[in-house]
Structures are given as structure tokens and as C-alpha cells.
Amino acid sequence: MPSPPLDPNVADTAPDDPVLTVYDEEHVVTYLRLLDAEADNADWREAARLILHIDAVREPERARLAFDTHLARAKWMADQGYRHLLHGGRREDGK
């Protein structure tokens, strides 16, 4: 797996596939930053603005959905998804 981008754009929702996706590989740093923000008890609105580049004041629903789904995916990656990385990444069909 090539090095992931440091600050990629994010989708409105993170994937919820039971396997590693291309999106996950591209957003590993985003997931790590979200886990760090949670560990630091950062306000979700600040994390959405700084990490996801979504202004929670202007787009509160979009920001909350993106934050919640990306944080959930980050937790999945920390709990299970990393195993896919250790075994060579995503499935052959690209998901």
C-alpha cells in the first residue's frame, strides 16, 4: 500500500463495509486524527472543521453525519480493519 494522503477530502459518510476499502486506505491518517481528537476530548465541531474540513456552523447535519460515520469507521479500523492492512489490504475486487 502506498503512503496515504495526509489531508484528503472526505465523503459525507464513511464506508461501512466489513472489509477494507480504497477509501479506508486513503483515509488512514484522517481516522488516526479523529481517534486522537476523541482521546483528547476535542469538541466534535472543531474536529469536523479541522480534520474533515466541514464547517459545523454552516452545515451542522452534514458535519455531524460525516464526523459520526468517520469516527465509527476509525474505531472499526482500530479494532478490526488494521488486520486487513496486515494481510495486504483490500479484496481483489477493489473494495
N, C-alpha and C. Protein backbone atom coordinates (compact mmCIF):
# COMPACT_ATOMS: atom_id res chain seq x y z
N MET A 1 0.84 -1.18 0.00
CA MET A 1 0.00 0.00 0.00
C MET A 1 0.89 1.24 0.00
N PRO A 2 0.69 2.16 -0.95
CA PRO A 2 1.46 3.39 -0.95
C PRO A 2 1.08 4.26 0.25
N SER A 3 1.90 5.24 0.54
CA SER A 3 1.61 6.14 1.66
C SER A 3 0.29 6.85 1.43
N PRO A 4 -0.58 6.90 2.47
CA PRO A 4 -1.86 7.58 2.30
C PRO A 4 -1.67 9.09 2.29
N PRO A 5 -2.60 9.81 1.64
CA PRO A 5 -2.53 11.27 1.68
C PRO A 5 -2.65 11.77 3.12
N LEU A 6 -2.01 12.87 3.42
CA LEU A 6 -2.04 13.40 4.79
C LEU A 6 -3.33 14.13 5.12
N ASP A 7 -3.97 14.73 4.15
CA ASP A 7 -5.15 15.53 4.44
C ASP A 7 -6.17 15.45 3.29
N PRO A 8 -6.70 14.26 3.02
CA PRO A 8 -7.59 14.10 1.86
C PRO A 8 -8.98 14.68 2.11
N ASN A 9 -9.66 15.00 1.04
CA ASN A 9 -11.07 15.38 1.16
C ASN A 9 -11.85 14.17 1.62
N VAL A 10 -12.96 14.42 2.32
CA VAL A 10 -13.77 13.31 2.82
C VAL A 10 -15.15 13.32 2.18
N ALA A 11 -15.74 12.14 2.13
CA ALA A 11 -17.12 11.99 1.68
C ALA A 11 -18.04 12.37 2.83
N ASP A 12 -19.31 12.56 2.52
CA ASP A 12 -20.28 12.90 3.57
C ASP A 12 -20.45 11.76 4.57
N THR A 13 -20.23 10.53 4.13
CA THR A 13 -20.27 9.38 5.03
C THR A 13 -19.09 8.48 4.75
N ALA A 14 -18.59 7.87 5.79
CA ALA A 14 -17.51 6.89 5.64
C ALA A 14 -18.11 5.55 5.25
N PRO A 15 -17.30 4.67 4.67
CA PRO A 15 -17.81 3.35 4.32
C PRO A 15 -18.20 2.56 5.56
N ASP A 16 -19.05 1.57 5.37
CA ASP A 16 -19.37 0.67 6.47
C ASP A 16 -19.25 -0.79 6.04
N ASP A 17 -18.47 -1.01 4.99
CA ASP A 17 -18.21 -2.36 4.50
C ASP A 17 -17.49 -3.17 5.58
N PRO A 18 -17.67 -4.49 5.59
CA PRO A 18 -16.98 -5.32 6.57
C PRO A 18 -15.54 -5.63 6.19
N VAL A 19 -15.07 -5.02 5.11
CA VAL A 19 -13.68 -5.19 4.65
C VAL A 19 -13.08 -3.83 4.36
N LEU A 20 -11.77 -3.81 4.28
CA LEU A 20 -11.04 -2.59 3.96
C LEU A 20 -11.38 -2.12 2.55
N THR A 21 -11.56 -0.82 2.38
CA THR A 21 -11.87 -0.25 1.07
C THR A 21 -10.74 0.67 0.62
N VAL A 22 -10.77 1.05 -0.64
CA VAL A 22 -9.81 2.03 -1.15
C VAL A 22 -9.94 3.32 -0.34
N TYR A 23 -11.18 3.72 -0.04
CA TYR A 23 -11.42 4.92 0.75
C TYR A 23 -10.71 4.82 2.10
N ASP A 24 -10.82 3.65 2.75
CA ASP A 24 -10.14 3.46 4.04
C ASP A 24 -8.63 3.63 3.90
N GLU A 25 -8.07 3.03 2.87
CA GLU A 25 -6.63 3.14 2.67
C GLU A 25 -6.21 4.60 2.47
N GLU A 26 -7.05 5.35 1.78
CA GLU A 26 -6.73 6.76 1.52
C GLU A 26 -6.97 7.65 2.75
N HIS A 27 -7.73 7.17 3.71
CA HIS A 27 -8.12 8.00 4.86
C HIS A 27 -7.58 7.49 6.20
N VAL A 28 -6.55 6.67 6.16
CA VAL A 28 -5.95 6.17 7.39
C VAL A 28 -5.54 7.32 8.30
N VAL A 29 -4.91 8.34 7.74
CA VAL A 29 -4.46 9.48 8.55
C VAL A 29 -5.66 10.22 9.13
N THR A 30 -6.71 10.38 8.35
CA THR A 30 -7.94 11.02 8.84
C THR A 30 -8.48 10.25 10.04
N TYR A 31 -8.55 8.94 9.92
CA TYR A 31 -9.05 8.10 11.02
C TYR A 31 -8.18 8.25 12.26
N LEU A 32 -6.88 8.25 12.09
CA LEU A 32 -5.98 8.41 13.24
C LEU A 32 -6.18 9.77 13.91
N ARG A 33 -6.34 10.80 13.10
CA ARG A 33 -6.55 12.14 13.65
C ARG A 33 -7.86 12.21 14.43
N LEU A 34 -8.90 11.54 13.93
CA LEU A 34 -10.18 11.53 14.65
C LEU A 34 -10.06 10.77 15.97
N LEU A 35 -9.36 9.67 15.97
CA LEU A 35 -9.15 8.93 17.22
C LEU A 35 -8.36 9.76 18.23
N ASP A 36 -7.36 10.49 17.74
CA ASP A 36 -6.60 11.38 18.63
C ASP A 36 -7.49 12.49 19.19
N ALA A 37 -8.33 13.06 18.34
CA ALA A 37 -9.24 14.12 18.80
C ALA A 37 -10.18 13.59 19.87
N GLU A 38 -10.70 12.40 19.66
CA GLU A 38 -11.60 11.81 20.67
C GLU A 38 -10.84 11.57 21.98
N ALA A 39 -9.64 11.04 21.88
CA ALA A 39 -8.84 10.79 23.08
C ALA A 39 -8.54 12.08 23.84
N ASP A 40 -8.44 13.18 23.11
CA ASP A 40 -8.18 14.49 23.73
C ASP A 40 -9.46 15.20 24.15
N ASN A 41 -10.60 14.53 24.00
CA ASN A 41 -11.91 15.12 24.32
C ASN A 41 -12.17 16.41 23.55
N ALA A 42 -11.72 16.44 22.30
CA ALA A 42 -11.95 17.61 21.46
C ALA A 42 -13.43 17.72 21.11
N ASP A 43 -13.91 18.92 20.94
CA ASP A 43 -15.28 19.14 20.51
C ASP A 43 -15.45 18.60 19.10
N TRP A 44 -16.54 17.89 18.85
CA TRP A 44 -16.75 17.27 17.54
C TRP A 44 -16.80 18.32 16.44
N ARG A 45 -17.34 19.52 16.75
CA ARG A 45 -17.44 20.57 15.73
C ARG A 45 -16.05 21.05 15.30
N GLU A 46 -15.15 21.16 16.26
CA GLU A 46 -13.79 21.56 15.94
C GLU A 46 -13.09 20.47 15.12
N ALA A 47 -13.29 19.22 15.51
CA ALA A 47 -12.70 18.11 14.76
C ALA A 47 -13.25 18.06 13.33
N ALA A 48 -14.55 18.29 13.18
CA ALA A 48 -15.15 18.29 11.85
C ALA A 48 -14.52 19.39 10.99
N ARG A 49 -14.31 20.54 11.59
CA ARG A 49 -13.73 21.67 10.83
C ARG A 49 -12.27 21.41 10.49
N LEU A 50 -11.49 21.00 11.45
CA LEU A 50 -10.04 20.86 11.25
C LEU A 50 -9.66 19.58 10.50
N ILE A 51 -10.34 18.50 10.76
CA ILE A 51 -9.95 17.21 10.18
C ILE A 51 -10.75 16.89 8.92
N LEU A 52 -12.06 17.14 8.98
CA LEU A 52 -12.92 16.77 7.85
C LEU A 52 -13.17 17.94 6.91
N HIS A 53 -12.79 19.14 7.32
CA HIS A 53 -12.97 20.36 6.51
C HIS A 53 -14.44 20.65 6.22
N ILE A 54 -15.27 20.43 7.24
CA ILE A 54 -16.70 20.73 7.13
C ILE A 54 -17.05 21.67 8.28
N ASP A 55 -17.63 22.80 7.96
CA ASP A 55 -17.99 23.80 8.96
C ASP A 55 -19.33 23.41 9.60
N ALA A 56 -19.28 23.05 10.88
CA ALA A 56 -20.48 22.61 11.59
C ALA A 56 -21.46 23.75 11.85
N VAL A 57 -21.02 24.98 11.77
CA VAL A 57 -21.93 26.11 11.93
C VAL A 57 -22.77 26.28 10.67
N ARG A 58 -22.12 26.20 9.52
CA ARG A 58 -22.82 26.38 8.24
C ARG A 58 -23.58 25.13 7.81
N GLU A 59 -23.04 23.95 8.10
CA GLU A 59 -23.63 22.69 7.67
C GLU A 59 -23.68 21.69 8.83
N PRO A 60 -24.50 21.97 9.84
CA PRO A 60 -24.47 21.13 11.05
C PRO A 60 -24.83 19.66 10.81
N GLU A 61 -25.84 19.39 10.00
CA GLU A 61 -26.24 18.00 9.78
C GLU A 61 -25.17 17.23 9.01
N ARG A 62 -24.66 17.85 7.97
CA ARG A 62 -23.61 17.21 7.17
C ARG A 62 -22.36 16.97 8.03
N ALA A 63 -21.99 17.96 8.82
CA ALA A 63 -20.80 17.85 9.66
C ALA A 63 -20.97 16.73 10.68
N ARG A 64 -22.14 16.66 11.29
CA ARG A 64 -22.36 15.64 12.32
C ARG A 64 -22.36 14.24 11.71
N LEU A 65 -23.02 14.08 10.57
CA LEU A 65 -23.05 12.78 9.90
C LEU A 65 -21.64 12.35 9.49
N ALA A 66 -20.90 13.25 8.90
CA ALA A 66 -19.54 12.93 8.48
C ALA A 66 -18.67 12.59 9.69
N PHE A 67 -18.78 13.38 10.73
CA PHE A 67 -17.99 13.12 11.94
C PHE A 67 -18.33 11.76 12.53
N ASP A 68 -19.62 11.51 12.74
CA ASP A 68 -20.05 10.26 13.37
C ASP A 68 -19.64 9.04 12.56
N THR A 69 -19.85 9.09 11.25
CA THR A 69 -19.54 7.90 10.43
C THR A 69 -18.03 7.70 10.29
N HIS A 70 -17.28 8.79 10.19
CA HIS A 70 -15.83 8.64 10.08
C HIS A 70 -15.22 8.19 11.41
N LEU A 71 -15.74 8.68 12.52
CA LEU A 71 -15.23 8.22 13.81
C LEU A 71 -15.58 6.75 14.02
N ALA A 72 -16.78 6.35 13.64
CA ALA A 72 -17.16 4.93 13.76
C ALA A 72 -16.23 4.07 12.91
N ARG A 73 -15.92 4.54 11.70
CA ARG A 73 -15.03 3.78 10.84
C ARG A 73 -13.62 3.75 11.41
N ALA A 74 -13.20 4.84 12.00
CA ALA A 74 -11.88 4.88 12.64
C ALA A 74 -11.80 3.84 13.76
N LYS A 75 -12.86 3.72 14.52
CA LYS A 75 -12.88 2.73 15.60
C LYS A 75 -12.89 1.32 15.03
N TRP A 76 -13.61 1.11 13.94
CA TRP A 76 -13.61 -0.20 13.27
C TRP A 76 -12.20 -0.53 12.79
N MET A 77 -11.54 0.46 12.20
CA MET A 77 -10.18 0.25 11.71
C MET A 77 -9.25 -0.13 12.87
N ALA A 78 -9.39 0.55 13.99
CA ALA A 78 -8.53 0.29 15.14
C ALA A 78 -8.81 -1.09 15.74
N ASP A 79 -10.06 -1.52 15.65
CA ASP A 79 -10.46 -2.79 16.25
C ASP A 79 -10.29 -3.98 15.31
N GLN A 80 -10.66 -3.80 14.04
CA GLN A 80 -10.66 -4.91 13.09
C GLN A 80 -9.96 -4.62 11.77
N GLY A 81 -10.14 -3.44 11.24
CA GLY A 81 -9.66 -3.12 9.91
C GLY A 81 -8.16 -3.20 9.74
N TYR A 82 -7.43 -2.94 10.82
CA TYR A 82 -5.97 -3.00 10.71
C TYR A 82 -5.51 -4.39 10.29
N ARG A 83 -6.29 -5.41 10.62
CA ARG A 83 -5.92 -6.78 10.24
C ARG A 83 -5.89 -6.92 8.72
N HIS A 84 -6.81 -6.23 8.05
CA HIS A 84 -6.82 -6.25 6.60
C HIS A 84 -5.54 -5.61 6.05
N LEU A 85 -5.09 -4.54 6.70
CA LEU A 85 -3.84 -3.90 6.27
C LEU A 85 -2.67 -4.86 6.43
N LEU A 86 -2.67 -5.60 7.54
CA LEU A 86 -1.58 -6.54 7.80
C LEU A 86 -1.57 -7.70 6.81
N HIS A 87 -2.73 -8.01 6.27
CA HIS A 87 -2.84 -9.11 5.31
C HIS A 87 -2.84 -8.63 3.87
N GLY A 88 -2.36 -7.44 3.62
CA GLY A 88 -2.16 -6.99 2.26
C GLY A 88 -3.21 -6.06 1.71
N GLY A 89 -4.10 -5.55 2.52
CA GLY A 89 -5.04 -4.55 2.03
C GLY A 89 -6.39 -5.11 1.63
N ARG A 90 -7.00 -4.40 0.69
CA ARG A 90 -8.38 -4.69 0.32
C ARG A 90 -8.50 -5.97 -0.51
N ARG A 91 -9.73 -6.37 -0.74
CA ARG A 91 -10.01 -7.57 -1.54
C ARG A 91 -9.61 -7.35 -2.98
N GLU A 92 -9.56 -8.42 -3.71
CA GLU A 92 -9.18 -8.37 -5.12
C GLU A 92 -10.15 -7.55 -5.96
N ASP A 93 -11.43 -7.47 -5.55
CA ASP A 93 -12.41 -6.72 -6.35
C ASP A 93 -12.33 -5.21 -6.10
N GLY A 94 -11.34 -4.78 -5.28
CA GLY A 94 -11.10 -3.35 -5.08
C GLY A 94 -11.87 -2.72 -3.94
N LYS A 95 -12.65 -3.51 -3.24
CA LYS A 95 -13.42 -2.97 -2.12
C LYS A 95 -12.65 -3.07 -0.84
